[in-house]
Protein backbone atom coordinates (compact mmCIF):
# COMPACT_ATOMS: atom_id res chain seq x y z
CA UNK A 1 34.51 23.28 -52.58
CA UNK A 2 37.08 21.00 -50.93
CA UNK A 3 37.43 23.36 -47.98
CA UNK A 4 33.70 23.18 -47.33
CA UNK A 5 33.66 19.37 -47.27
CA UNK A 6 36.69 19.17 -45.02
CA UNK A 7 35.07 21.60 -42.58
CA UNK A 8 31.60 19.99 -42.50
CA UNK A 9 32.71 16.40 -41.87
CA UNK A 10 34.60 17.13 -38.60
CA UNK A 11 31.68 19.23 -37.34
CA UNK A 12 29.25 16.37 -38.01
CA UNK A 13 31.55 13.83 -36.37
CA UNK A 14 32.14 15.88 -33.23
CA UNK A 15 28.45 16.79 -33.02
CA UNK A 16 27.58 13.08 -32.94
CA UNK A 17 30.13 12.41 -30.23
CA UNK A 18 28.75 15.18 -28.04
CA UNK A 19 25.20 13.82 -28.31
CA UNK A 20 26.28 10.38 -27.07
CA UNK A 21 28.38 11.81 -24.22
CA UNK A 22 25.28 12.74 -22.24
CA UNK A 23 25.02 9.20 -20.88
CA UNK A 24 28.25 7.28 -20.65
CA UNK A 25 26.89 4.12 -19.06
CA UNK A 26 30.07 2.23 -19.92
CA UNK A 27 32.12 4.52 -17.67
CA UNK A 28 29.44 4.35 -14.97
CA UNK A 29 29.44 0.56 -15.05
CA UNK A 30 33.22 0.51 -14.57
CA UNK A 31 32.79 2.82 -11.55
CA UNK A 32 30.55 0.17 -9.94
CA UNK A 33 33.27 -2.49 -9.89
CA UNK A 34 35.21 -1.14 -6.87
CA UNK A 35 31.90 -0.65 -5.02
CA UNK A 36 31.34 -4.42 -4.74
CA UNK A 37 31.54 -5.47 -1.10
CA UNK A 38 34.75 -6.99 0.27
CA UNK A 39 35.05 -10.68 -0.55
CA UNK A 40 33.10 -10.52 -3.82
CA UNK A 41 34.89 -11.37 -7.05
CA UNK A 42 33.99 -9.21 -10.03
CA UNK A 43 32.22 -11.10 -12.83
CA UNK A 44 30.70 -8.61 -15.24
CA UNK A 45 29.64 -4.99 -15.56
CA UNK A 46 26.46 -3.81 -17.22
CA UNK A 47 25.39 -0.62 -18.96
CA UNK A 48 22.08 0.64 -17.57
CA UNK A 49 20.65 3.13 -20.01
CA UNK A 50 17.01 3.70 -20.90
CA UNK A 51 16.59 3.62 -24.65
CA UNK A 52 13.23 3.04 -26.26
CA UNK A 53 12.17 0.21 -23.93
CA UNK A 54 10.90 0.57 -20.38
CA UNK A 55 13.61 -1.76 -19.11
CA UNK A 56 17.11 -3.10 -19.74
CA UNK A 57 17.73 -6.81 -19.23
CA UNK A 58 20.76 -9.10 -19.10
CA UNK A 59 21.13 -12.78 -18.30
CA UNK A 60 23.81 -14.75 -16.48
CA UNK A 61 24.21 -18.38 -15.41
CA UNK A 62 24.15 -18.64 -11.59
CA UNK A 63 25.67 -21.61 -9.74
CA UNK A 64 24.00 -23.31 -6.76
CA UNK A 65 25.55 -22.43 -3.38
CA UNK A 66 27.13 -19.22 -4.67
CA UNK A 67 26.24 -15.80 -3.31
CA UNK A 68 25.87 -13.01 -5.88
CA UNK A 69 25.88 -9.24 -5.46
CA UNK A 70 24.47 -6.82 -8.02
CA UNK A 71 25.06 -3.14 -7.37
CA UNK A 72 23.82 -0.01 -9.12
CA UNK A 73 25.72 3.24 -9.73
CA UNK A 74 24.81 6.55 -11.34
CA UNK A 75 28.10 8.45 -11.19
CA UNK A 76 27.86 11.45 -8.87
CA UNK A 77 24.09 11.09 -8.77
CA UNK A 78 22.25 8.89 -6.34
CA UNK A 79 20.95 5.76 -8.12
CA UNK A 80 17.58 6.16 -6.36
CA UNK A 81 14.89 5.25 -8.84
CA UNK A 82 16.97 2.74 -10.78
CA UNK A 83 15.34 -0.55 -9.85
CA UNK A 84 17.23 -3.81 -10.28
CA UNK A 85 15.14 -6.97 -10.12
CA UNK A 86 16.50 -10.51 -10.30
CA UNK A 87 14.42 -13.31 -11.85
CA UNK A 88 15.16 -17.02 -11.85
CA UNK A 89 15.07 -19.23 -14.95
CA UNK A 90 11.27 -19.58 -14.65
CA UNK A 91 10.91 -15.77 -14.50
CA UNK A 92 9.98 -15.77 -10.82
CA UNK A 93 11.21 -12.67 -9.00
CA UNK A 94 13.80 -13.66 -6.39
CA UNK A 95 15.26 -10.28 -5.34
CA UNK A 96 14.93 -6.53 -5.85
CA UNK A 97 16.66 -3.43 -4.57
CA UNK A 98 13.31 -1.66 -4.06
CA UNK A 99 11.03 -2.18 -1.07
CA UNK A 100 8.16 0.31 -0.90
CA UNK A 101 9.72 3.75 -1.38
CA UNK A 102 13.18 2.61 -0.29
CA UNK A 103 16.03 1.72 -2.65
CA UNK A 104 19.19 -0.18 -1.80
CA UNK A 105 22.36 0.37 -3.82
CA UNK A 106 22.82 -3.40 -4.15
CA UNK A 107 21.12 -6.74 -3.79
CA UNK A 108 22.64 -9.97 -2.52
CA UNK A 109 21.23 -13.34 -3.53
CA UNK A 110 22.31 -16.85 -2.48
CA UNK A 111 21.58 -19.16 -5.39
CA UNK A 112 19.63 -22.30 -4.44
CA UNK A 113 19.14 -23.66 -7.96
CA UNK A 114 21.55 -23.42 -10.89
CA UNK A 115 20.35 -21.88 -14.12
CA UNK A 116 20.04 -18.75 -16.19
CA UNK A 117 18.96 -15.75 -14.12
CA UNK A 118 17.66 -12.50 -15.56
CA UNK A 119 18.84 -9.14 -14.25
CA UNK A 120 16.33 -6.46 -15.17
CA UNK A 121 16.70 -2.72 -14.68
CA UNK A 122 13.69 -0.38 -14.70
CA UNK A 123 13.43 3.32 -14.00
CA UNK A 124 11.01 5.14 -11.72
CA UNK A 125 9.69 8.45 -13.04
CA UNK A 126 12.15 10.99 -11.61
CA UNK A 127 15.21 8.75 -11.58
CA UNK A 128 18.36 9.14 -13.64
CA UNK A 129 17.95 7.05 -16.78
CA UNK A 130 21.64 6.39 -17.03
CA UNK A 131 23.80 4.27 -14.80
CA UNK A 132 25.91 1.21 -14.48
CA UNK A 133 25.96 -2.00 -12.53
CA UNK A 134 28.39 -4.71 -11.52
CA UNK A 135 27.88 -8.37 -10.74
CA UNK A 136 30.11 -10.17 -8.27
CA UNK A 137 30.15 -13.53 -6.50
CA UNK A 138 31.59 -15.30 -3.49
CA UNK A 139 31.40 -18.89 -2.33
């Protein structure tokens, strides 16, 4: 009986690890850091993974007069279809990486009013639902 228990537990543990390895958004977010444009200082990376909700959202305090860059990565895949939208503290949209059918890999926003800004990621139908993102700034 002890042999059976010892054998089943490792199988269950490794089976769970394999299921979560399909989307490693933490690794993808770290791959975005070096893709920030020259002159931008890294602030934070974000996991972009669709899970239950139609969007993923983070918040960050932006400072007036500072320029921010938010990029999107999807590993070896093109991040087309991962939409990043930036909202100000009143939930007004101030920037997006999608214009019509075109997607940019990053958005740049010069902050005119300090406050909490909301970074929201949504996914178009045929897009990868796993990626990463990095936020950087320069003055």
